[in-house]
Amino acid sequence: SQDVPRTRFGDTVGVPITTASFNQEDSTLFVIGAEGGGVFLCSTTLEVPTGKEFGDIRVMRCVTSAIAPHTGRILISEFSHHHRNAIVTAASDNQIRLYSVLQPNKPVNVICSEENITCTQLSPSRPMVVATGLATGEVALHDLGSRNSQPVLTIPSAEKPSSVSTLKFNRNNMALLAVGDQLGRVSIWQLPEYAISPLSTEMTSLLNLLDTVNE
């Protein structure tokens, strides 16, 4: 069994959850990330009781399978907005991983960040791009299909650098990216056109990576 930290409430033992994301096409499927690096595929339709109750609500098991774990706290475990079988994870082990639901035991690609990752956000417009906040105060945009750690764009830190604590794309204006840091500052960045406009081959690249599970 996977060695993950567990929290005890009375006689109930649970794994501390850090992230959760529903599948965009199938609302019964979701993925969760845990404090100890575990990532789990889950379903709301799993009818397996735990024998526990929360008030008058019966608590059911939700985990259907485990994804190959990270070695650090999960910062993001999210289904792609662009393909139902793609999952992106990132953790405090400074790895960004792309998984296929059809091959949960092995990522189809791994990017190792040269700096400590503090938070992560998927691009809503580009299927292969993920933004990562860094402990240096910078933000790096990575191509999930890349075979190296070099970002496609690096946003510099503020004059007095502080670790990035959160970041968020504006879905109404995808050129805007909000970045918050540990000093309580929020910066709004306007991204260049190449950072938000998908390449003509980008979706094909994602499909090709996911198809490697059949090879």
N, C-alpha and C. Protein backbone atom coordinates (compact mmCIF):
# COMPACT_ATOMS: atom_id res chain seq x y z
N SER A 1 0.84 -1.19 0.00
CA SER A 1 0.00 0.00 0.00
C SER A 1 0.88 1.24 0.00
N GLN A 2 0.31 2.35 -0.48
CA GLN A 2 1.06 3.58 -0.58
C GLN A 2 1.28 4.20 0.79
N ASP A 3 2.51 4.65 1.06
CA ASP A 3 2.84 5.23 2.35
C ASP A 3 2.56 6.73 2.31
N VAL A 4 1.44 7.16 2.86
CA VAL A 4 1.05 8.57 2.87
C VAL A 4 0.68 8.96 4.29
N PRO A 5 0.86 10.23 4.65
CA PRO A 5 0.45 10.67 5.99
C PRO A 5 -1.05 10.58 6.14
N ARG A 6 -1.51 10.27 7.32
CA ARG A 6 -2.94 10.12 7.57
C ARG A 6 -3.34 10.93 8.80
N THR A 7 -4.55 11.43 8.76
CA THR A 7 -5.09 12.22 9.86
C THR A 7 -6.16 11.42 10.58
N ARG A 8 -6.13 11.42 11.90
CA ARG A 8 -7.10 10.65 12.67
C ARG A 8 -8.10 11.59 13.35
N PHE A 9 -9.39 11.33 13.12
CA PHE A 9 -10.47 12.03 13.81
C PHE A 9 -11.27 10.97 14.56
N GLY A 10 -11.04 10.88 15.87
CA GLY A 10 -11.68 9.81 16.63
C GLY A 10 -11.14 8.48 16.15
N ASP A 11 -12.04 7.59 15.68
CA ASP A 11 -11.59 6.29 15.18
C ASP A 11 -11.53 6.27 13.66
N THR A 12 -11.59 7.45 13.02
CA THR A 12 -11.54 7.53 11.56
C THR A 12 -10.18 8.03 11.11
N VAL A 13 -9.58 7.33 10.16
CA VAL A 13 -8.27 7.71 9.64
C VAL A 13 -8.42 8.12 8.18
N GLY A 14 -7.87 9.28 7.81
CA GLY A 14 -7.98 9.75 6.44
C GLY A 14 -6.67 10.32 5.94
N VAL A 15 -6.56 10.46 4.63
CA VAL A 15 -5.39 11.05 3.99
C VAL A 15 -5.66 12.54 3.76
N PRO A 16 -4.79 13.44 4.21
CA PRO A 16 -5.00 14.87 3.99
C PRO A 16 -5.03 15.21 2.49
N ILE A 17 -6.12 15.82 2.03
CA ILE A 17 -6.30 16.15 0.63
C ILE A 17 -5.88 17.59 0.39
N THR A 18 -5.12 17.83 -0.68
CA THR A 18 -4.64 19.18 -0.99
C THR A 18 -5.28 19.76 -2.25
N THR A 19 -5.72 18.91 -3.19
CA THR A 19 -6.30 19.40 -4.44
C THR A 19 -7.40 18.46 -4.90
N ALA A 20 -8.30 18.99 -5.73
CA ALA A 20 -9.36 18.16 -6.33
C ALA A 20 -9.82 18.82 -7.62
N SER A 21 -10.19 18.00 -8.60
CA SER A 21 -10.65 18.53 -9.89
C SER A 21 -11.59 17.53 -10.55
N PHE A 22 -12.72 18.04 -11.03
CA PHE A 22 -13.67 17.19 -11.76
C PHE A 22 -13.32 17.15 -13.24
N ASN A 23 -13.67 16.02 -13.87
CA ASN A 23 -13.54 15.88 -15.31
C ASN A 23 -14.55 16.80 -16.00
N GLN A 24 -14.10 17.52 -17.04
CA GLN A 24 -14.97 18.49 -17.71
C GLN A 24 -16.10 17.84 -18.49
N GLU A 25 -15.89 16.58 -18.93
CA GLU A 25 -16.88 15.92 -19.77
C GLU A 25 -17.72 14.90 -19.01
N ASP A 26 -17.19 14.36 -17.93
CA ASP A 26 -17.91 13.37 -17.13
C ASP A 26 -17.91 13.84 -15.67
N SER A 27 -19.01 14.39 -15.23
CA SER A 27 -19.07 15.00 -13.90
C SER A 27 -19.03 13.99 -12.76
N THR A 28 -19.02 12.69 -13.09
CA THR A 28 -18.91 11.68 -12.03
C THR A 28 -17.46 11.35 -11.71
N LEU A 29 -16.53 11.79 -12.56
CA LEU A 29 -15.12 11.49 -12.37
C LEU A 29 -14.38 12.68 -11.79
N PHE A 30 -13.51 12.43 -10.83
CA PHE A 30 -12.66 13.50 -10.32
C PHE A 30 -11.33 12.93 -9.86
N VAL A 31 -10.35 13.80 -9.72
CA VAL A 31 -9.01 13.40 -9.30
C VAL A 31 -8.64 14.23 -8.08
N ILE A 32 -7.98 13.59 -7.11
CA ILE A 32 -7.56 14.29 -5.90
C ILE A 32 -6.07 14.09 -5.68
N GLY A 33 -5.44 15.08 -5.06
CA GLY A 33 -4.04 15.00 -4.68
C GLY A 33 -3.91 15.06 -3.18
N ALA A 34 -2.87 14.45 -2.64
CA ALA A 34 -2.72 14.32 -1.19
C ALA A 34 -1.42 14.95 -0.69
N GLU A 35 -1.40 15.19 0.59
CA GLU A 35 -0.25 15.82 1.24
C GLU A 35 1.03 15.03 1.02
N GLY A 36 0.95 13.71 1.05
CA GLY A 36 2.14 12.89 0.94
C GLY A 36 2.59 12.57 -0.47
N GLY A 37 1.91 13.14 -1.50
CA GLY A 37 2.32 12.91 -2.88
C GLY A 37 1.41 11.98 -3.65
N GLY A 38 0.43 11.38 -2.97
CA GLY A 38 -0.49 10.48 -3.65
C GLY A 38 -1.46 11.22 -4.55
N VAL A 39 -1.81 10.59 -5.67
CA VAL A 39 -2.82 11.11 -6.60
C VAL A 39 -3.80 9.98 -6.88
N PHE A 40 -5.10 10.26 -6.81
CA PHE A 40 -6.10 9.20 -6.88
C PHE A 40 -7.23 9.57 -7.84
N LEU A 41 -7.58 8.61 -8.69
CA LEU A 41 -8.77 8.74 -9.53
C LEU A 41 -9.98 8.33 -8.72
N CYS A 42 -11.05 9.09 -8.84
CA CYS A 42 -12.23 8.85 -8.00
C CYS A 42 -13.51 8.93 -8.82
N SER A 43 -14.57 8.37 -8.25
CA SER A 43 -15.88 8.41 -8.89
C SER A 43 -16.95 8.66 -7.84
N THR A 44 -17.94 9.48 -8.23
CA THR A 44 -19.06 9.73 -7.32
C THR A 44 -20.06 8.59 -7.35
N THR A 45 -19.91 7.65 -8.28
CA THR A 45 -20.87 6.56 -8.43
C THR A 45 -20.43 5.28 -7.75
N LEU A 46 -19.26 5.30 -7.11
CA LEU A 46 -18.76 4.10 -6.45
C LEU A 46 -19.61 3.81 -5.22
N GLU A 47 -20.32 2.69 -5.24
CA GLU A 47 -21.26 2.35 -4.17
C GLU A 47 -20.63 1.38 -3.17
N VAL A 48 -19.53 1.82 -2.54
CA VAL A 48 -18.85 0.99 -1.55
C VAL A 48 -18.86 1.74 -0.22
N PRO A 49 -19.64 1.29 0.74
CA PRO A 49 -19.73 2.01 2.02
C PRO A 49 -18.45 1.88 2.84
N THR A 50 -18.17 2.90 3.62
CA THR A 50 -17.01 2.87 4.52
C THR A 50 -17.39 2.38 5.90
N GLY A 51 -18.69 2.31 6.17
CA GLY A 51 -19.15 1.97 7.51
C GLY A 51 -19.15 3.17 8.44
N LYS A 52 -18.85 4.35 7.88
CA LYS A 52 -18.84 5.58 8.68
C LYS A 52 -20.02 6.45 8.29
N GLU A 53 -20.36 7.37 9.18
CA GLU A 53 -21.43 8.33 8.90
C GLU A 53 -20.98 9.73 9.29
N PHE A 54 -21.46 10.70 8.52
CA PHE A 54 -21.20 12.11 8.82
C PHE A 54 -22.56 12.74 9.05
N GLY A 55 -22.94 12.85 10.32
CA GLY A 55 -24.31 13.24 10.62
C GLY A 55 -25.24 12.12 10.19
N ASP A 56 -26.20 12.44 9.33
CA ASP A 56 -27.12 11.43 8.80
C ASP A 56 -26.69 10.93 7.43
N ILE A 57 -25.50 11.34 6.98
CA ILE A 57 -25.03 10.98 5.64
C ILE A 57 -24.07 9.80 5.73
N ARG A 58 -24.35 8.76 4.97
CA ARG A 58 -23.42 7.63 4.89
C ARG A 58 -22.21 8.03 4.07
N VAL A 59 -21.03 7.71 4.56
CA VAL A 59 -19.80 8.03 3.85
C VAL A 59 -19.43 6.85 2.96
N MET A 60 -19.26 7.14 1.64
CA MET A 60 -18.93 6.10 0.66
C MET A 60 -17.48 6.25 0.22
N ARG A 61 -16.89 5.15 -0.18
CA ARG A 61 -15.55 5.21 -0.76
C ARG A 61 -15.65 5.83 -2.15
N CYS A 62 -14.61 6.58 -2.54
CA CYS A 62 -14.63 7.23 -3.85
C CYS A 62 -13.46 6.85 -4.73
N VAL A 63 -12.36 6.36 -4.16
CA VAL A 63 -11.15 6.08 -4.94
C VAL A 63 -11.33 4.82 -5.77
N THR A 64 -11.09 4.95 -7.08
CA THR A 64 -11.17 3.80 -7.98
C THR A 64 -9.79 3.26 -8.34
N SER A 65 -8.78 4.14 -8.38
CA SER A 65 -7.41 3.69 -8.67
C SER A 65 -6.43 4.78 -8.26
N ALA A 66 -5.17 4.39 -8.12
CA ALA A 66 -4.11 5.33 -7.74
C ALA A 66 -3.24 5.63 -8.95
N ILE A 67 -2.81 6.88 -9.05
CA ILE A 67 -1.87 7.30 -10.07
C ILE A 67 -0.47 7.26 -9.46
N ALA A 68 0.54 7.01 -10.30
CA ALA A 68 1.92 6.97 -9.81
C ALA A 68 2.22 8.22 -8.98
N PRO A 69 2.64 8.07 -7.72
CA PRO A 69 2.74 9.20 -6.81
C PRO A 69 3.98 10.07 -7.03
N HIS A 70 3.88 11.31 -6.58
CA HIS A 70 5.03 12.20 -6.46
C HIS A 70 5.72 11.90 -5.13
N THR A 71 6.83 12.60 -4.88
CA THR A 71 7.52 12.45 -3.59
C THR A 71 7.38 13.70 -2.74
N GLY A 72 6.43 14.56 -3.09
CA GLY A 72 6.19 15.77 -2.31
C GLY A 72 4.72 16.13 -2.34
N ARG A 73 4.35 17.12 -1.56
CA ARG A 73 2.96 17.58 -1.45
C ARG A 73 2.40 17.95 -2.82
N ILE A 74 1.20 17.45 -3.13
CA ILE A 74 0.58 17.74 -4.41
C ILE A 74 0.05 19.18 -4.41
N LEU A 75 0.46 19.95 -5.43
CA LEU A 75 0.03 21.34 -5.57
C LEU A 75 -1.13 21.46 -6.54
N ILE A 76 -1.19 20.56 -7.52
CA ILE A 76 -2.30 20.53 -8.47
C ILE A 76 -2.48 19.11 -8.97
N SER A 77 -3.71 18.70 -9.09
CA SER A 77 -4.06 17.45 -9.79
C SER A 77 -5.35 17.78 -10.53
N GLU A 78 -5.23 17.99 -11.82
CA GLU A 78 -6.35 18.57 -12.55
C GLU A 78 -6.55 17.88 -13.90
N PHE A 79 -7.82 17.60 -14.21
CA PHE A 79 -8.15 17.13 -15.54
C PHE A 79 -7.95 18.26 -16.54
N SER A 80 -7.44 17.92 -17.71
CA SER A 80 -7.27 18.91 -18.78
C SER A 80 -8.61 19.47 -19.20
N HIS A 81 -8.61 20.76 -19.57
CA HIS A 81 -9.82 21.37 -20.13
C HIS A 81 -10.05 20.93 -21.57
N HIS A 82 -9.04 20.28 -22.17
CA HIS A 82 -9.06 20.04 -23.61
C HIS A 82 -9.18 18.56 -23.99
N HIS A 83 -8.96 17.65 -23.03
CA HIS A 83 -9.07 16.22 -23.33
C HIS A 83 -9.46 15.48 -22.06
N ARG A 84 -10.48 14.67 -22.13
CA ARG A 84 -11.02 14.02 -20.93
C ARG A 84 -10.06 13.02 -20.30
N ASN A 85 -9.11 12.49 -21.07
CA ASN A 85 -8.20 11.48 -20.53
C ASN A 85 -6.89 12.06 -20.00
N ALA A 86 -6.69 13.36 -20.13
CA ALA A 86 -5.42 13.97 -19.72
C ALA A 86 -5.53 14.55 -18.31
N ILE A 87 -4.54 14.25 -17.48
CA ILE A 87 -4.44 14.79 -16.13
C ILE A 87 -3.07 15.42 -15.96
N VAL A 88 -3.04 16.61 -15.38
CA VAL A 88 -1.78 17.29 -15.09
C VAL A 88 -1.61 17.36 -13.57
N THR A 89 -0.42 17.01 -13.11
CA THR A 89 -0.11 17.13 -11.68
C THR A 89 1.19 17.90 -11.51
N ALA A 90 1.34 18.52 -10.35
CA ALA A 90 2.60 19.15 -9.97
C ALA A 90 2.70 19.05 -8.46
N ALA A 91 3.94 19.01 -7.97
CA ALA A 91 4.13 18.79 -6.54
C ALA A 91 5.36 19.53 -6.04
N SER A 92 5.54 19.50 -4.73
CA SER A 92 6.69 20.16 -4.12
C SER A 92 7.99 19.43 -4.39
N ASP A 93 7.93 18.30 -5.11
CA ASP A 93 9.17 17.66 -5.59
C ASP A 93 9.67 18.33 -6.86
N ASN A 94 8.97 19.42 -7.28
CA ASN A 94 9.33 20.25 -8.43
C ASN A 94 9.19 19.53 -9.76
N GLN A 95 8.29 18.57 -9.80
CA GLN A 95 7.96 17.89 -11.06
C GLN A 95 6.56 18.26 -11.52
N ILE A 96 6.44 18.49 -12.83
CA ILE A 96 5.15 18.68 -13.49
C ILE A 96 4.95 17.46 -14.37
N ARG A 97 3.82 16.78 -14.21
CA ARG A 97 3.61 15.53 -14.93
C ARG A 97 2.31 15.56 -15.73
N LEU A 98 2.37 14.93 -16.89
CA LEU A 98 1.18 14.72 -17.71
C LEU A 98 0.87 13.23 -17.71
N TYR A 99 -0.35 12.88 -17.33
CA TYR A 99 -0.79 11.48 -17.28
C TYR A 99 -1.95 11.26 -18.24
N SER A 100 -2.09 10.01 -18.65
CA SER A 100 -3.31 9.56 -19.31
C SER A 100 -4.09 8.70 -18.33
N VAL A 101 -5.40 8.90 -18.28
CA VAL A 101 -6.25 8.06 -17.43
C VAL A 101 -6.08 6.59 -17.80
N LEU A 102 -5.75 6.32 -19.06
CA LEU A 102 -5.61 4.94 -19.53
C LEU A 102 -4.29 4.31 -19.08
N GLN A 103 -3.36 5.12 -18.56
CA GLN A 103 -2.08 4.60 -18.07
C GLN A 103 -1.71 5.35 -16.78
N PRO A 104 -2.44 5.12 -15.71
CA PRO A 104 -2.21 5.90 -14.49
C PRO A 104 -0.92 5.57 -13.76
N ASN A 105 -0.31 4.43 -14.08
CA ASN A 105 0.87 4.00 -13.33
C ASN A 105 2.17 4.61 -13.85
N LYS A 106 2.09 5.42 -14.94
CA LYS A 106 3.30 6.00 -15.51
C LYS A 106 2.95 7.28 -16.26
N PRO A 107 3.62 8.41 -15.96
CA PRO A 107 3.33 9.64 -16.69
C PRO A 107 3.80 9.55 -18.14
N VAL A 108 3.10 10.23 -19.04
CA VAL A 108 3.52 10.24 -20.44
C VAL A 108 4.59 11.30 -20.67
N ASN A 109 4.71 12.26 -19.76
CA ASN A 109 5.82 13.21 -19.82
C ASN A 109 6.03 13.84 -18.44
N VAL A 110 7.29 14.17 -18.15
CA VAL A 110 7.65 14.79 -16.88
C VAL A 110 8.56 15.97 -17.16
N ILE A 111 8.25 17.11 -16.54
CA ILE A 111 9.11 18.29 -16.61
C ILE A 111 9.64 18.56 -15.20
N CYS A 112 10.94 18.70 -15.07
CA CYS A 112 11.55 18.99 -13.78
C CYS A 112 11.92 20.47 -13.72
N SER A 113 11.31 21.19 -12.80
CA SER A 113 11.60 22.62 -12.66
C SER A 113 12.94 22.82 -11.95
N GLU A 114 13.70 23.78 -12.44
CA GLU A 114 14.98 24.09 -11.81
C GLU A 114 14.80 24.89 -10.52
N GLU A 115 13.62 25.48 -10.34
CA GLU A 115 13.31 26.25 -9.13
C GLU A 115 12.18 25.57 -8.37
N ASN A 116 12.04 25.90 -7.10
CA ASN A 116 10.99 25.31 -6.27
C ASN A 116 9.62 25.81 -6.70
N ILE A 117 8.72 24.86 -7.00
CA ILE A 117 7.36 25.19 -7.41
C ILE A 117 6.49 25.40 -6.17
N THR A 118 5.70 26.47 -6.18
CA THR A 118 4.82 26.77 -5.05
C THR A 118 3.34 26.67 -5.40
N CYS A 119 2.98 26.86 -6.66
CA CYS A 119 1.59 26.75 -7.10
C CYS A 119 1.57 26.58 -8.61
N THR A 120 0.45 26.10 -9.14
CA THR A 120 0.36 25.77 -10.56
C THR A 120 -1.04 26.04 -11.07
N GLN A 121 -1.13 26.41 -12.36
CA GLN A 121 -2.43 26.67 -12.98
C GLN A 121 -2.36 26.28 -14.45
N LEU A 122 -3.35 25.51 -14.92
CA LEU A 122 -3.41 25.15 -16.33
C LEU A 122 -3.89 26.33 -17.16
N SER A 123 -3.32 26.48 -18.36
CA SER A 123 -3.79 27.51 -19.28
C SER A 123 -5.17 27.13 -19.80
N PRO A 124 -6.13 28.05 -19.78
CA PRO A 124 -7.46 27.73 -20.31
C PRO A 124 -7.51 27.76 -21.83
N SER A 125 -6.49 28.35 -22.47
CA SER A 125 -6.53 28.51 -23.93
C SER A 125 -5.55 27.61 -24.67
N ARG A 126 -4.45 27.22 -24.03
CA ARG A 126 -3.44 26.40 -24.70
C ARG A 126 -3.40 25.00 -24.07
N PRO A 127 -3.70 23.97 -24.85
CA PRO A 127 -3.79 22.60 -24.32
C PRO A 127 -2.51 22.08 -23.69
N MET A 128 -1.35 22.62 -24.10
CA MET A 128 -0.08 22.07 -23.65
C MET A 128 0.69 22.99 -22.71
N VAL A 129 0.05 24.03 -22.20
CA VAL A 129 0.77 25.01 -21.39
C VAL A 129 0.26 25.02 -19.95
N VAL A 130 1.21 25.08 -19.01
CA VAL A 130 0.89 25.18 -17.58
C VAL A 130 1.75 26.29 -16.99
N ALA A 131 1.14 27.11 -16.12
CA ALA A 131 1.88 28.18 -15.44
C ALA A 131 2.24 27.72 -14.04
N THR A 132 3.47 27.98 -13.63
CA THR A 132 3.92 27.59 -12.29
C THR A 132 4.44 28.81 -11.54
N GLY A 133 3.97 28.99 -10.31
CA GLY A 133 4.53 30.01 -9.44
C GLY A 133 5.74 29.44 -8.72
N LEU A 134 6.76 30.26 -8.53
CA LEU A 134 8.02 29.79 -7.98
C LEU A 134 8.38 30.48 -6.67
N ALA A 135 9.22 29.83 -5.89
CA ALA A 135 9.67 30.40 -4.62
C ALA A 135 10.51 31.65 -4.83
N THR A 136 11.05 31.83 -6.02
CA THR A 136 11.86 33.01 -6.34
C THR A 136 11.01 34.24 -6.60
N GLY A 137 9.67 34.07 -6.68
CA GLY A 137 8.79 35.18 -7.03
C GLY A 137 8.48 35.25 -8.50
N GLU A 138 9.12 34.42 -9.29
CA GLU A 138 8.87 34.40 -10.73
C GLU A 138 7.71 33.46 -11.06
N VAL A 139 7.20 33.58 -12.28
CA VAL A 139 6.21 32.66 -12.82
C VAL A 139 6.75 32.11 -14.12
N ALA A 140 6.71 30.80 -14.28
CA ALA A 140 7.21 30.16 -15.49
C ALA A 140 6.08 29.45 -16.21
N LEU A 141 5.99 29.65 -17.52
CA LEU A 141 5.03 28.92 -18.35
C LEU A 141 5.77 27.80 -19.06
N HIS A 142 5.31 26.56 -18.86
CA HIS A 142 5.97 25.39 -19.43
C HIS A 142 5.09 24.73 -20.49
N ASP A 143 5.76 24.15 -21.47
CA ASP A 143 5.09 23.33 -22.48
C ASP A 143 5.10 21.89 -21.99
N LEU A 144 3.91 21.30 -21.83
CA LEU A 144 3.80 19.94 -21.29
C LEU A 144 4.42 18.88 -22.20
N GLY A 145 4.67 19.24 -23.45
CA GLY A 145 5.28 18.30 -24.37
C GLY A 145 6.79 18.41 -24.43
N SER A 146 7.35 19.37 -23.69
CA SER A 146 8.78 19.62 -23.74
C SER A 146 9.56 18.48 -23.08
N ARG A 147 10.76 18.24 -23.60
CA ARG A 147 11.65 17.23 -23.02
C ARG A 147 12.73 17.86 -22.15
N ASN A 148 12.64 19.17 -21.91
CA ASN A 148 13.61 19.81 -21.04
C ASN A 148 12.88 20.72 -20.05
N SER A 149 13.63 21.33 -19.16
CA SER A 149 13.03 22.12 -18.08
C SER A 149 12.91 23.60 -18.42
N GLN A 150 13.30 23.99 -19.63
CA GLN A 150 13.27 25.40 -19.99
C GLN A 150 11.85 25.88 -20.25
N PRO A 151 11.39 26.93 -19.55
CA PRO A 151 10.04 27.44 -19.77
C PRO A 151 9.93 28.18 -21.11
N VAL A 152 8.71 28.26 -21.62
CA VAL A 152 8.47 29.01 -22.86
C VAL A 152 8.37 30.51 -22.56
N LEU A 153 8.10 30.85 -21.30
CA LEU A 153 8.03 32.25 -20.88
C LEU A 153 8.28 32.32 -19.38
N THR A 154 9.08 33.30 -18.97
CA THR A 154 9.30 33.55 -17.55
C THR A 154 8.89 34.98 -17.22
N ILE A 155 7.99 35.12 -16.25
CA ILE A 155 7.56 36.43 -15.78
C ILE A 155 8.43 36.79 -14.59
N PRO A 156 9.08 37.95 -14.60
CA PRO A 156 10.02 38.28 -13.52
C PRO A 156 9.33 38.51 -12.19
N SER A 157 10.12 38.45 -11.14
CA SER A 157 9.61 38.71 -9.80
C SER A 157 9.48 40.21 -9.57
N ALA A 158 8.80 40.58 -8.50
CA ALA A 158 8.66 41.99 -8.13
C ALA A 158 10.01 42.53 -7.66
N GLU A 159 10.07 43.83 -7.44
CA GLU A 159 11.33 44.47 -7.04
C GLU A 159 11.86 43.86 -5.75
N LYS A 160 10.96 43.55 -4.83
CA LYS A 160 11.33 42.84 -3.60
C LYS A 160 10.75 41.43 -3.72
N PRO A 161 11.54 40.45 -4.19
CA PRO A 161 11.00 39.11 -4.50
C PRO A 161 10.39 38.43 -3.28
N SER A 162 9.29 37.74 -3.52
CA SER A 162 8.63 36.93 -2.50
C SER A 162 7.99 35.73 -3.17
N SER A 163 7.95 34.62 -2.47
CA SER A 163 7.41 33.38 -3.03
C SER A 163 5.98 33.59 -3.53
N VAL A 164 5.70 33.07 -4.74
CA VAL A 164 4.36 33.15 -5.30
C VAL A 164 3.45 32.19 -4.55
N SER A 165 2.31 32.68 -4.08
CA SER A 165 1.40 31.84 -3.30
C SER A 165 0.19 31.39 -4.09
N THR A 166 -0.17 32.13 -5.14
CA THR A 166 -1.32 31.75 -5.97
C THR A 166 -1.24 32.45 -7.31
N LEU A 167 -1.84 31.84 -8.32
CA LEU A 167 -1.95 32.49 -9.63
C LEU A 167 -3.22 32.00 -10.31
N LYS A 168 -3.76 32.84 -11.19
CA LYS A 168 -5.04 32.52 -11.82
C LYS A 168 -5.16 33.22 -13.17
N PHE A 169 -5.53 32.43 -14.21
CA PHE A 169 -5.84 33.01 -15.51
C PHE A 169 -7.23 33.63 -15.47
N ASN A 170 -7.41 34.71 -16.22
CA ASN A 170 -8.72 35.33 -16.38
C ASN A 170 -9.42 34.65 -17.56
N ARG A 171 -10.52 33.95 -17.29
CA ARG A 171 -11.19 33.20 -18.35
C ARG A 171 -11.94 34.11 -19.33
N ASN A 172 -12.24 35.33 -18.93
CA ASN A 172 -12.91 36.27 -19.83
C ASN A 172 -11.92 37.03 -20.70
N ASN A 173 -10.70 37.15 -20.21
CA ASN A 173 -9.62 37.77 -20.98
C ASN A 173 -8.37 36.96 -20.70
N MET A 174 -8.11 35.96 -21.54
CA MET A 174 -7.07 34.98 -21.25
C MET A 174 -5.66 35.53 -21.35
N ALA A 175 -5.53 36.78 -21.78
CA ALA A 175 -4.21 37.41 -21.81
C ALA A 175 -3.79 37.90 -20.43
N LEU A 176 -4.73 37.89 -19.48
CA LEU A 176 -4.43 38.40 -18.14
C LEU A 176 -4.18 37.25 -17.16
N LEU A 177 -3.12 37.40 -16.38
CA LEU A 177 -2.76 36.41 -15.36
C LEU A 177 -2.53 37.15 -14.05
N ALA A 178 -3.28 36.77 -13.02
CA ALA A 178 -3.12 37.36 -11.69
C ALA A 178 -2.14 36.52 -10.88
N VAL A 179 -1.23 37.20 -10.19
CA VAL A 179 -0.20 36.53 -9.39
C VAL A 179 -0.17 37.14 -8.00
N GLY A 180 -0.34 36.31 -6.98
CA GLY A 180 -0.26 36.78 -5.59
C GLY A 180 0.97 36.21 -4.92
N ASP A 181 1.55 36.96 -3.98
CA ASP A 181 2.76 36.47 -3.31
C ASP A 181 2.60 36.50 -1.79
N GLN A 182 3.63 36.03 -1.10
CA GLN A 182 3.58 35.89 0.36
C GLN A 182 3.60 37.22 1.10
N LEU A 183 3.90 38.31 0.40
CA LEU A 183 3.88 39.63 1.01
C LEU A 183 2.53 40.32 0.86
N GLY A 184 1.56 39.59 0.29
CA GLY A 184 0.22 40.14 0.14
C GLY A 184 0.02 40.97 -1.11
N ARG A 185 0.97 40.95 -2.03
CA ARG A 185 0.85 41.73 -3.26
C ARG A 185 0.19 40.91 -4.36
N VAL A 186 -0.62 41.57 -5.17
CA VAL A 186 -1.23 40.95 -6.34
C VAL A 186 -0.81 41.73 -7.57
N SER A 187 -0.24 41.03 -8.54
CA SER A 187 0.17 41.64 -9.80
C SER A 187 -0.69 41.09 -10.92
N ILE A 188 -1.09 41.94 -11.84
CA ILE A 188 -1.84 41.52 -13.03
C ILE A 188 -0.92 41.67 -14.23
N TRP A 189 -0.64 40.55 -14.88
CA TRP A 189 0.26 40.55 -16.03
C TRP A 189 -0.54 40.34 -17.31
N GLN A 190 -0.16 41.09 -18.36
CA GLN A 190 -0.72 40.86 -19.68
C GLN A 190 0.26 40.00 -20.47
N LEU A 191 -0.17 38.81 -20.82
CA LEU A 191 0.70 37.85 -21.49
C LEU A 191 0.80 38.17 -22.98
N PRO A 192 1.96 37.87 -23.59
CA PRO A 192 2.10 38.07 -25.03
C PRO A 192 1.21 37.11 -25.81
N GLU A 193 0.94 37.46 -27.05
CA GLU A 193 0.02 36.68 -27.87
C GLU A 193 0.45 35.22 -28.00
N TYR A 194 1.76 34.98 -28.15
CA TYR A 194 2.22 33.61 -28.35
C TYR A 194 1.99 32.73 -27.11
N ALA A 195 1.83 33.36 -25.95
CA ALA A 195 1.63 32.60 -24.72
C ALA A 195 0.19 32.16 -24.53
N ILE A 196 -0.73 32.77 -25.26
CA ILE A 196 -2.15 32.45 -25.08
C ILE A 196 -2.81 31.85 -26.31
N SER A 197 -2.20 32.03 -27.49
CA SER A 197 -2.80 31.51 -28.72
C SER A 197 -2.27 30.11 -29.00
N PRO A 198 -3.15 29.10 -29.06
CA PRO A 198 -2.68 27.73 -29.29
C PRO A 198 -2.04 27.56 -30.65
N LEU A 199 -0.98 26.78 -30.70
CA LEU A 199 -0.34 26.47 -31.97
C LEU A 199 -1.24 25.55 -32.79
N SER A 200 -1.08 25.59 -34.10
CA SER A 200 -1.93 24.76 -34.96
C SER A 200 -1.71 23.28 -34.71
N THR A 201 -0.53 22.92 -34.18
CA THR A 201 -0.19 21.51 -33.94
C THR A 201 -0.35 21.11 -32.48
N GLU A 202 -0.80 22.04 -31.64
CA GLU A 202 -0.77 21.79 -30.19
C GLU A 202 -1.69 20.67 -29.75
N MET A 203 -2.91 20.67 -30.25
CA MET A 203 -3.86 19.62 -29.87
C MET A 203 -3.39 18.27 -30.39
N THR A 204 -2.80 18.28 -31.59
CA THR A 204 -2.27 17.03 -32.15
C THR A 204 -1.13 16.51 -31.29
N SER A 205 -0.29 17.42 -30.78
CA SER A 205 0.81 17.01 -29.91
C SER A 205 0.29 16.36 -28.64
N LEU A 206 -0.77 16.93 -28.07
CA LEU A 206 -1.36 16.35 -26.86
C LEU A 206 -1.91 14.96 -27.16
N LEU A 207 -2.62 14.82 -28.27
CA LEU A 207 -3.18 13.52 -28.64
C LEU A 207 -2.08 12.49 -28.87
N ASN A 208 -0.99 12.91 -29.50
CA ASN A 208 0.11 11.99 -29.76
C ASN A 208 0.75 11.51 -28.45
N LEU A 209 0.90 12.41 -27.49
CA LEU A 209 1.46 12.02 -26.19
C LEU A 209 0.55 11.02 -25.48
N LEU A 210 -0.75 11.30 -25.50
CA LEU A 210 -1.69 10.40 -24.84
C LEU A 210 -1.77 9.06 -25.55
N ASP A 211 -1.54 9.06 -26.87
CA ASP A 211 -1.60 7.81 -27.63
C ASP A 211 -0.42 6.90 -27.37
N THR A 212 0.65 7.42 -26.74
CA THR A 212 1.82 6.58 -26.48
C THR A 212 1.49 5.44 -25.53
N VAL A 213 0.36 5.53 -24.83
CA VAL A 213 -0.01 4.44 -23.91
C VAL A 213 -0.35 3.17 -24.67
N ASN A 214 -0.64 3.31 -25.96
CA ASN A 214 -1.01 2.14 -26.76
C ASN A 214 0.18 1.52 -27.45
N GLU A 215 1.36 2.14 -27.32
CA GLU A 215 2.53 1.63 -28.03
C GLU A 215 3.26 0.58 -27.21
